[in-house]
Amino acid sequence: MAFTDVETAQAHQAAFADPTGEDLCKLGILYSTGQGGEIDYVEAHKWFNLAALMGSEPAKYYRAEISDQMSSMDVAAAQRAAREWLSTRH
């Protein structure tokens, strides 16, 4: 799935405003595919994890898919990053 520059910018802006699970899932896709930069599975996993917490079913699938490409240390780093993000939101 490819996103336009506008969609990419909107997804990033939404993450710092009032994001939906769909917004966060888009960020995960952006990072997992390297759209607009390099592939970053840790960052992708973080966004998929947060999107899954918000009820995004696709995010649950994508998170599982990229977990197979990551070390346990990378998954743990992504989970820490998700917890840190959540702690700044509430």
C-alpha atoms as a PDB file:
ATOM      1  CA  MET A   1       0.000   0.000   0.000  1.00  0.00           C
ATOM      2  CA  ALA A   2       1.484   3.308  -1.054  1.00  0.00           C
ATOM      3  CA  PHE A   3       0.614   6.641   0.495  1.00  0.00           C
ATOM      4  CA  THR A   4       0.798  10.082  -1.026  1.00  0.00           C
ATOM      5  CA  ASP A   5       2.945  12.752   0.583  1.00  0.00           C
ATOM      6  CA  VAL A   6      -0.231  14.357   1.931  1.00  0.00           C
ATOM      7  CA  GLU A   7      -1.415  11.088   3.498  1.00  0.00           C
ATOM      8  CA  THR A   8       2.020  10.554   5.025  1.00  0.00           C
ATOM      9  CA  ALA A   9       2.012  14.035   6.542  1.00  0.00           C
ATOM     10  CA  GLN A  10      -1.541  13.567   7.829  1.00  0.00           C
ATOM     11  CA  ALA A  11      -0.638  10.282   9.522  1.00  0.00           C
ATOM     12  CA  HIS A  12       2.339  11.880  11.273  1.00  0.00           C
ATOM     13  CA  GLN A  13       0.276  14.879  12.379  1.00  0.00           C
ATOM     14  CA  ALA A  14      -2.526  12.662  13.672  1.00  0.00           C
ATOM     15  CA  ALA A  15      -0.116  10.745  15.909  1.00  0.00           C
ATOM     16  CA  PHE A  16       0.486  13.909  17.871  1.00  0.00           C
ATOM     17  CA  ALA A  17      -3.094  15.169  17.862  1.00  0.00           C
ATOM     18  CA  ASP A  18      -6.009  12.800  18.352  1.00  0.00           C
ATOM     19  CA  PRO A  19      -5.030   9.610  16.501  1.00  0.00           C
ATOM     20  CA  THR A  20      -7.241   6.721  15.545  1.00  0.00           C
ATOM     21  CA  GLY A  21      -6.101   3.138  15.255  1.00  0.00           C
ATOM     22  CA  GLU A  22      -6.161   3.616  11.481  1.00  0.00           C
ATOM     23  CA  ASP A  23      -3.825   6.631  11.726  1.00  0.00           C
ATOM     24  CA  LEU A  24      -1.342   4.698  13.840  1.00  0.00           C
ATOM     25  CA  CYS A  25      -1.581   1.651  11.590  1.00  0.00           C
ATOM     26  CA  LYS A  26      -0.687   3.882   8.621  1.00  0.00           C
ATOM     27  CA  LEU A  27       2.419   5.017  10.482  1.00  0.00           C
ATOM     28  CA  GLY A  28       3.354   1.391  11.066  1.00  0.00           C
ATOM     29  CA  ILE A  29       2.978   0.687   7.369  1.00  0.00           C
ATOM     30  CA  LEU A  30       5.096   3.712   6.491  1.00  0.00           C
ATOM     31  CA  TYR A  31       7.936   2.576   8.749  1.00  0.00           C
ATOM     32  CA  SER A  32       7.688  -1.116   7.841  1.00  0.00           C
ATOM     33  CA  THR A  33       7.897  -0.403   4.115  1.00  0.00           C
ATOM     34  CA  GLY A  34      10.389   2.456   4.221  1.00  0.00           C
ATOM     35  CA  GLN A  35       8.065   4.955   2.566  1.00  0.00           C
ATOM     36  CA  GLY A  36       9.614   8.363   3.073  1.00  0.00           C
ATOM     37  CA  GLY A  37      12.798   6.949   4.593  1.00  0.00           C
ATOM     38  CA  GLU A  38      14.469   3.739   5.658  1.00  0.00           C
ATOM     39  CA  ILE A  39      12.673   0.646   6.909  1.00  0.00           C
ATOM     40  CA  ASP A  40      12.481   0.732  10.708  1.00  0.00           C
ATOM     41  CA  TYR A  41      10.821  -2.362  12.146  1.00  0.00           C
ATOM     42  CA  VAL A  42      11.155  -1.176  15.750  1.00  0.00           C
ATOM     43  CA  GLU A  43       9.285   2.036  14.987  1.00  0.00           C
ATOM     44  CA  ALA A  44       6.767   0.149  12.826  1.00  0.00           C
ATOM     45  CA  HIS A  45       6.114  -2.378  15.590  1.00  0.00           C
ATOM     46  CA  LYS A  46       5.571   0.472  18.053  1.00  0.00           C
ATOM     47  CA  TRP A  47       2.875   2.046  15.871  1.00  0.00           C
ATOM     48  CA  PHE A  48       1.255  -1.307  15.026  1.00  0.00           C
ATOM     49  CA  ASN A  49       1.175  -2.159  18.730  1.00  0.00           C
ATOM     50  CA  LEU A  50      -0.480   1.152  19.601  1.00  0.00           C
ATOM     51  CA  ALA A  51      -2.946   0.802  16.723  1.00  0.00           C
ATOM     52  CA  ALA A  52      -3.798  -2.715  17.880  1.00  0.00           C
ATOM     53  CA  LEU A  53      -4.486  -1.354  21.361  1.00  0.00           C
ATOM     54  CA  MET A  54      -6.969   1.014  19.717  1.00  0.00           C
ATOM     55  CA  GLY A  55      -8.725  -1.918  18.070  1.00  0.00           C
ATOM     56  CA  SER A  56      -7.119  -2.014  14.627  1.00  0.00           C
ATOM     57  CA  GLU A  57      -7.346  -5.583  13.352  1.00  0.00           C
ATOM     58  CA  PRO A  58      -4.955  -5.000  10.418  1.00  0.00           C
ATOM     59  CA  ALA A  59      -2.364  -3.650  12.865  1.00  0.00           C
ATOM     60  CA  LYS A  60      -2.491  -6.909  14.825  1.00  0.00           C
ATOM     61  CA  TYR A  61      -1.736  -8.839  11.654  1.00  0.00           C
ATOM     62  CA  TYR A  62       1.057  -6.505  10.518  1.00  0.00           C
ATOM     63  CA  ARG A  63       2.627  -6.491  13.982  1.00  0.00           C
ATOM     64  CA  ALA A  64       2.798 -10.289  13.934  1.00  0.00           C
ATOM     65  CA  GLU A  65       4.247 -10.246  10.428  1.00  0.00           C
ATOM     66  CA  ILE A  66       7.132  -7.916  11.230  1.00  0.00           C
ATOM     67  CA  SER A  67       7.795  -9.560  14.592  1.00  0.00           C
ATOM     68  CA  ASP A  68       9.062 -12.535  12.599  1.00  0.00           C
ATOM     69  CA  GLN A  69      11.712 -10.223  11.099  1.00  0.00           C
ATOM     70  CA  MET A  70      12.838  -8.816  14.464  1.00  0.00           C
ATOM     71  CA  SER A  71      15.020 -10.001  17.315  1.00  0.00           C
ATOM     72  CA  SER A  72      13.481 -10.333  20.768  1.00  0.00           C
ATOM     73  CA  MET A  73      15.540  -7.317  21.831  1.00  0.00           C
ATOM     74  CA  ASP A  74      14.058  -5.241  19.010  1.00  0.00           C
ATOM     75  CA  VAL A  75      10.508  -6.300  19.930  1.00  0.00           C
ATOM     76  CA  ALA A  76      11.199  -5.353  23.545  1.00  0.00           C
ATOM     77  CA  ALA A  77      12.551  -1.965  22.409  1.00  0.00           C
ATOM     78  CA  ALA A  78       9.407  -1.375  20.347  1.00  0.00           C
ATOM     79  CA  GLN A  79       7.190  -2.286  23.298  1.00  0.00           C
ATOM     80  CA  ARG A  80       9.110   0.128  25.542  1.00  0.00           C
ATOM     81  CA  ALA A  81       8.730   2.866  22.958  1.00  0.00           C
ATOM     82  CA  ALA A  82       4.981   2.227  22.778  1.00  0.00           C
ATOM     83  CA  ARG A  83       4.677   2.425  26.572  1.00  0.00           C
ATOM     84  CA  GLU A  84       6.671   5.655  26.588  1.00  0.00           C
ATOM     85  CA  TRP A  85       4.417   7.144  23.912  1.00  0.00           C
ATOM     86  CA  LEU A  86       1.339   6.128  25.892  1.00  0.00           C
ATOM     87  CA  SER A  87       2.747   7.663  29.083  1.00  0.00           C
ATOM     88  CA  THR A  88       3.009  11.054  27.365  1.00  0.00           C
ATOM     89  CA  ARG A  89      -0.571  10.853  26.097  1.00  0.00           C
ATOM     90  CA  HIS A  90      -2.396  10.450  29.424  1.00  0.00           C
END
